[in-house]
Amino acid sequence: MSLSLKNLLAWLGAVWISFEFFWYEQYKLAGPTLVFERLSDWSGIPEQPFRLFVASMEIAAGALVLIPATQGFGALFAVGIMAGAIVFHLFTPLGVDPYGDGGQLFKEACFTLVVASIVAFLRREGLLALLNHVLQRMGFAPFRSS
């Protein structure tokens, strides 16, 4: 894959991830939602802190994926967030279709997980460089890329 096509695909994916996260913040930040009310009832975690914690993680990932130096890390962060969302949809009373709309949220979580995985893969050199930087700061020997 050519460098320019790889770069274009990574940026298109990053824009999708940011759009997806930032779009849903209007609901999470405005007040209680059905999703977090159900998860709160099931888990016992108060709804507002739970909802605002998830919102803050999505805002962080959505911003990091738009910064060239942190795009790979932001994509991995998004993978983790979306994996968590999928697990909650599949293994809690939330279910795949909480709003009766054919599972739109679940489908978007799955798609965003795939897109974020692709962006992380395309930016793997930057991820390795970031890991090496962190390891060196901690006093460990860096990984060597082949």
C-alpha atoms as a PDB file:
ATOM      1  CA  MET A   1       0.000   0.000   0.000  1.00  0.00           C
ATOM      2  CA  SER A   2       1.412   3.346  -0.978  1.00  0.00           C
ATOM      3  CA  LEU A   3       2.299   5.824   1.722  1.00  0.00           C
ATOM      4  CA  SER A   4      -0.252   8.366   0.527  1.00  0.00           C
ATOM      5  CA  LEU A   5      -3.103   5.827   0.418  1.00  0.00           C
ATOM      6  CA  LYS A   6      -2.110   4.572   3.875  1.00  0.00           C
ATOM      7  CA  ASN A   7      -2.071   8.133   5.182  1.00  0.00           C
ATOM      8  CA  LEU A   8      -5.429   8.947   3.564  1.00  0.00           C
ATOM      9  CA  LEU A   9      -7.070   5.822   5.015  1.00  0.00           C
ATOM     10  CA  ALA A  10      -5.678   6.552   8.477  1.00  0.00           C
ATOM     11  CA  TRP A  11      -6.970  10.127   8.388  1.00  0.00           C
ATOM     12  CA  LEU A  12     -10.397   9.106   7.076  1.00  0.00           C
ATOM     13  CA  GLY A  13     -10.618   6.578   9.902  1.00  0.00           C
ATOM     14  CA  ALA A  14      -9.481   9.153  12.451  1.00  0.00           C
ATOM     15  CA  VAL A  15     -12.127  11.615  11.289  1.00  0.00           C
ATOM     16  CA  TRP A  16     -14.799   8.902  11.566  1.00  0.00           C
ATOM     17  CA  ILE A  17     -13.709   7.992  15.102  1.00  0.00           C
ATOM     18  CA  SER A  18     -13.724  11.629  16.218  1.00  0.00           C
ATOM     19  CA  PHE A  19     -17.060  12.328  14.584  1.00  0.00           C
ATOM     20  CA  GLU A  20     -18.619   9.241  16.169  1.00  0.00           C
ATOM     21  CA  PHE A  21     -17.380  10.096  19.652  1.00  0.00           C
ATOM     22  CA  PHE A  22     -18.060  13.835  19.487  1.00  0.00           C
ATOM     23  CA  TRP A  23     -21.533  13.367  17.994  1.00  0.00           C
ATOM     24  CA  TYR A  24     -22.719  11.262  20.925  1.00  0.00           C
ATOM     25  CA  GLU A  25     -21.261  13.616  23.531  1.00  0.00           C
ATOM     26  CA  GLN A  26     -24.260  15.896  23.100  1.00  0.00           C
ATOM     27  CA  TYR A  27     -26.396  13.163  24.643  1.00  0.00           C
ATOM     28  CA  LYS A  28     -23.942  12.027  27.304  1.00  0.00           C
ATOM     29  CA  LEU A  29     -23.196  15.553  28.504  1.00  0.00           C
ATOM     30  CA  ALA A  30     -26.811  16.788  28.410  1.00  0.00           C
ATOM     31  CA  GLY A  31     -28.153  14.446  31.031  1.00  0.00           C
ATOM     32  CA  PRO A  32     -29.264  10.914  31.812  1.00  0.00           C
ATOM     33  CA  THR A  33     -29.618   8.472  28.932  1.00  0.00           C
ATOM     34  CA  LEU A  34     -31.464   5.176  28.696  1.00  0.00           C
ATOM     35  CA  VAL A  35     -28.193   3.315  28.167  1.00  0.00           C
ATOM     36  CA  PHE A  36     -26.513   4.630  31.299  1.00  0.00           C
ATOM     37  CA  GLU A  37     -29.664   4.379  33.372  1.00  0.00           C
ATOM     38  CA  ARG A  38     -29.920   0.668  32.496  1.00  0.00           C
ATOM     39  CA  LEU A  39     -26.236   0.083  33.115  1.00  0.00           C
ATOM     40  CA  SER A  40     -26.446   1.963  36.412  1.00  0.00           C
ATOM     41  CA  ASP A  41     -29.438  -0.090  37.551  1.00  0.00           C
ATOM     42  CA  TRP A  42     -27.587  -3.285  36.614  1.00  0.00           C
ATOM     43  CA  SER A  43     -24.160  -2.385  38.018  1.00  0.00           C
ATOM     44  CA  GLY A  44     -25.025  -0.169  40.967  1.00  0.00           C
ATOM     45  CA  ILE A  45     -22.633   2.511  39.680  1.00  0.00           C
ATOM     46  CA  PRO A  46     -24.300   5.946  39.880  1.00  0.00           C
ATOM     47  CA  GLU A  47     -25.518   6.991  36.428  1.00  0.00           C
ATOM     48  CA  GLN A  48     -24.001  10.483  36.214  1.00  0.00           C
ATOM     49  CA  PRO A  49     -20.378   9.652  37.133  1.00  0.00           C
ATOM     50  CA  PHE A  50     -20.512   6.560  34.912  1.00  0.00           C
ATOM     51  CA  ARG A  51     -21.870   8.539  31.943  1.00  0.00           C
ATOM     52  CA  LEU A  52     -19.447  11.440  32.421  1.00  0.00           C
ATOM     53  CA  PHE A  53     -16.459   9.106  32.800  1.00  0.00           C
ATOM     54  CA  VAL A  54     -17.291   7.417  29.489  1.00  0.00           C
ATOM     55  CA  ALA A  55     -17.854  10.819  27.871  1.00  0.00           C
ATOM     56  CA  SER A  56     -14.459  12.078  29.059  1.00  0.00           C
ATOM     57  CA  MET A  57     -12.718   8.970  27.735  1.00  0.00           C
ATOM     58  CA  GLU A  58     -14.421   9.383  24.357  1.00  0.00           C
ATOM     59  CA  ILE A  59     -13.483  13.068  24.202  1.00  0.00           C
ATOM     60  CA  ALA A  60      -9.851  12.203  24.965  1.00  0.00           C
ATOM     61  CA  ALA A  61      -9.718   9.446  22.332  1.00  0.00           C
ATOM     62  CA  GLY A  62     -11.515  11.632  19.788  1.00  0.00           C
ATOM     63  CA  ALA A  63      -8.959  14.397  20.272  1.00  0.00           C
ATOM     64  CA  LEU A  64      -5.878  12.142  20.392  1.00  0.00           C
ATOM     65  CA  VAL A  65      -6.779  10.463  17.120  1.00  0.00           C
ATOM     66  CA  LEU A  66      -6.746  13.872  15.384  1.00  0.00           C
ATOM     67  CA  ILE A  67      -3.204  14.734  16.504  1.00  0.00           C
ATOM     68  CA  PRO A  68      -0.623  13.239  14.132  1.00  0.00           C
ATOM     69  CA  ALA A  69       1.840  12.246  16.879  1.00  0.00           C
ATOM     70  CA  THR A  70      -0.852  10.490  18.931  1.00  0.00           C
ATOM     71  CA  GLN A  71      -3.111   9.159  16.187  1.00  0.00           C
ATOM     72  CA  GLY A  72      -2.140   5.521  16.723  1.00  0.00           C
ATOM     73  CA  PHE A  73      -2.531   5.804  20.488  1.00  0.00           C
ATOM     74  CA  GLY A  74      -5.892   7.529  20.077  1.00  0.00           C
ATOM     75  CA  ALA A  75      -7.000   4.714  17.778  1.00  0.00           C
ATOM     76  CA  LEU A  76      -5.940   2.072  20.327  1.00  0.00           C
ATOM     77  CA  PHE A  77      -7.775   4.027  23.011  1.00  0.00           C
ATOM     78  CA  ALA A  78     -10.876   4.000  20.769  1.00  0.00           C
ATOM     79  CA  VAL A  79     -10.504   0.227  20.293  1.00  0.00           C
ATOM     80  CA  GLY A  80     -10.628  -0.195  24.068  1.00  0.00           C
ATOM     81  CA  ILE A  81     -13.643   2.072  24.457  1.00  0.00           C
ATOM     82  CA  MET A  82     -15.572   0.359  21.671  1.00  0.00           C
ATOM     83  CA  ALA A  83     -14.635  -3.114  22.933  1.00  0.00           C
ATOM     84  CA  GLY A  84     -16.059  -2.100  26.302  1.00  0.00           C
ATOM     85  CA  ALA A  85     -19.240  -0.807  24.674  1.00  0.00           C
ATOM     86  CA  ILE A  86     -19.682  -4.047  22.741  1.00  0.00           C
ATOM     87  CA  VAL A  87     -19.157  -6.136  25.879  1.00  0.00           C
ATOM     88  CA  PHE A  88     -21.771  -4.076  27.745  1.00  0.00           C
ATOM     89  CA  HIS A  89     -24.234  -4.502  24.878  1.00  0.00           C
ATOM     90  CA  LEU A  90     -23.683  -8.254  24.673  1.00  0.00           C
ATOM     91  CA  PHE A  91     -23.338  -9.283  28.304  1.00  0.00           C
ATOM     92  CA  THR A  92     -25.579  -6.975  30.337  1.00  0.00           C
ATOM     93  CA  PRO A  93     -29.304  -6.268  30.396  1.00  0.00           C
ATOM     94  CA  LEU A  94     -28.594  -3.325  28.067  1.00  0.00           C
ATOM     95  CA  GLY A  95     -28.814  -5.632  25.063  1.00  0.00           C
ATOM     96  CA  VAL A  96     -27.959  -5.024  21.450  1.00  0.00           C
ATOM     97  CA  ASP A  97     -31.060  -2.942  20.692  1.00  0.00           C
ATOM     98  CA  PRO A  98     -31.899  -0.785  23.742  1.00  0.00           C
ATOM     99  CA  TYR A  99     -33.672   1.907  21.708  1.00  0.00           C
ATOM    100  CA  GLY A 100     -35.644  -0.424  19.428  1.00  0.00           C
ATOM    101  CA  ASP A 101     -33.941   1.020  16.349  1.00  0.00           C
ATOM    102  CA  GLY A 102     -32.415  -2.165  14.989  1.00  0.00           C
ATOM    103  CA  GLY A 103     -29.309  -1.929  17.169  1.00  0.00           C
ATOM    104  CA  GLN A 104     -27.899   1.251  15.632  1.00  0.00           C
ATOM    105  CA  LEU A 105     -25.633   2.021  18.616  1.00  0.00           C
ATOM    106  CA  PHE A 106     -24.287  -1.531  18.648  1.00  0.00           C
ATOM    107  CA  LYS A 107     -23.645  -1.514  14.886  1.00  0.00           C
ATOM    108  CA  GLU A 108     -21.833   1.821  15.143  1.00  0.00           C
ATOM    109  CA  ALA A 109     -19.725   0.511  18.036  1.00  0.00           C
ATOM    110  CA  CYS A 110     -18.737  -2.535  15.968  1.00  0.00           C
ATOM    111  CA  PHE A 111     -17.916  -0.432  12.904  1.00  0.00           C
ATOM    112  CA  THR A 112     -15.931   2.086  14.941  1.00  0.00           C
ATOM    113  CA  LEU A 113     -13.988  -0.764  16.577  1.00  0.00           C
ATOM    114  CA  VAL A 114     -13.015  -2.058  13.124  1.00  0.00           C
ATOM    115  CA  VAL A 115     -12.079   1.418  11.876  1.00  0.00           C
ATOM    116  CA  ALA A 116     -10.021   2.142  15.003  1.00  0.00           C
ATOM    117  CA  SER A 117      -8.237  -1.212  14.645  1.00  0.00           C
ATOM    118  CA  ILE A 118      -7.335  -0.355  11.054  1.00  0.00           C
ATOM    119  CA  VAL A 119      -6.038   3.098  12.041  1.00  0.00           C
ATOM    120  CA  ALA A 120      -3.958   1.567  14.857  1.00  0.00           C
ATOM    121  CA  PHE A 121      -2.532  -0.988  12.410  1.00  0.00           C
ATOM    122  CA  LEU A 122      -1.725   1.692   9.835  1.00  0.00           C
ATOM    123  CA  ARG A 123      -0.011   3.780  12.533  1.00  0.00           C
ATOM    124  CA  ARG A 124       1.852   0.860  14.159  1.00  0.00           C
ATOM    125  CA  GLU A 125       5.273   2.438  13.522  1.00  0.00           C
ATOM    126  CA  GLY A 126       4.229   5.515  15.484  1.00  0.00           C
ATOM    127  CA  LEU A 127       2.825   3.308  18.244  1.00  0.00           C
ATOM    128  CA  LEU A 128       6.134   1.453  18.499  1.00  0.00           C
ATOM    129  CA  ALA A 129       8.023   4.762  18.605  1.00  0.00           C
ATOM    130  CA  LEU A 130       5.741   6.004  21.392  1.00  0.00           C
ATOM    131  CA  LEU A 131       6.185   2.760  23.315  1.00  0.00           C
ATOM    132  CA  ASN A 132       9.961   3.004  22.929  1.00  0.00           C
ATOM    133  CA  HIS A 133       9.922   6.598  24.145  1.00  0.00           C
ATOM    134  CA  VAL A 134       7.917   5.656  27.241  1.00  0.00           C
ATOM    135  CA  LEU A 135      10.134   2.630  27.939  1.00  0.00           C
ATOM    136  CA  GLN A 136      13.296   4.699  27.620  1.00  0.00           C
ATOM    137  CA  ARG A 137      11.905   7.302  30.020  1.00  0.00           C
ATOM    138  CA  MET A 138      11.250   4.460  32.467  1.00  0.00           C
ATOM    139  CA  GLY A 139      14.824   3.194  32.073  1.00  0.00           C
ATOM    140  CA  PHE A 140      14.123   0.150  29.879  1.00  0.00           C
ATOM    141  CA  ALA A 141      15.779  -0.787  26.615  1.00  0.00           C
ATOM    142  CA  PRO A 142      13.744   0.069  23.520  1.00  0.00           C
ATOM    143  CA  PHE A 143      12.161  -2.454  21.167  1.00  0.00           C
ATOM    144  CA  ARG A 144      13.872  -2.869  17.850  1.00  0.00           C
ATOM    145  CA  SER A 145      11.683  -2.795  14.743  1.00  0.00           C
ATOM    146  CA  SER A 146      12.557  -5.252  11.993  1.00  0.00           C
END
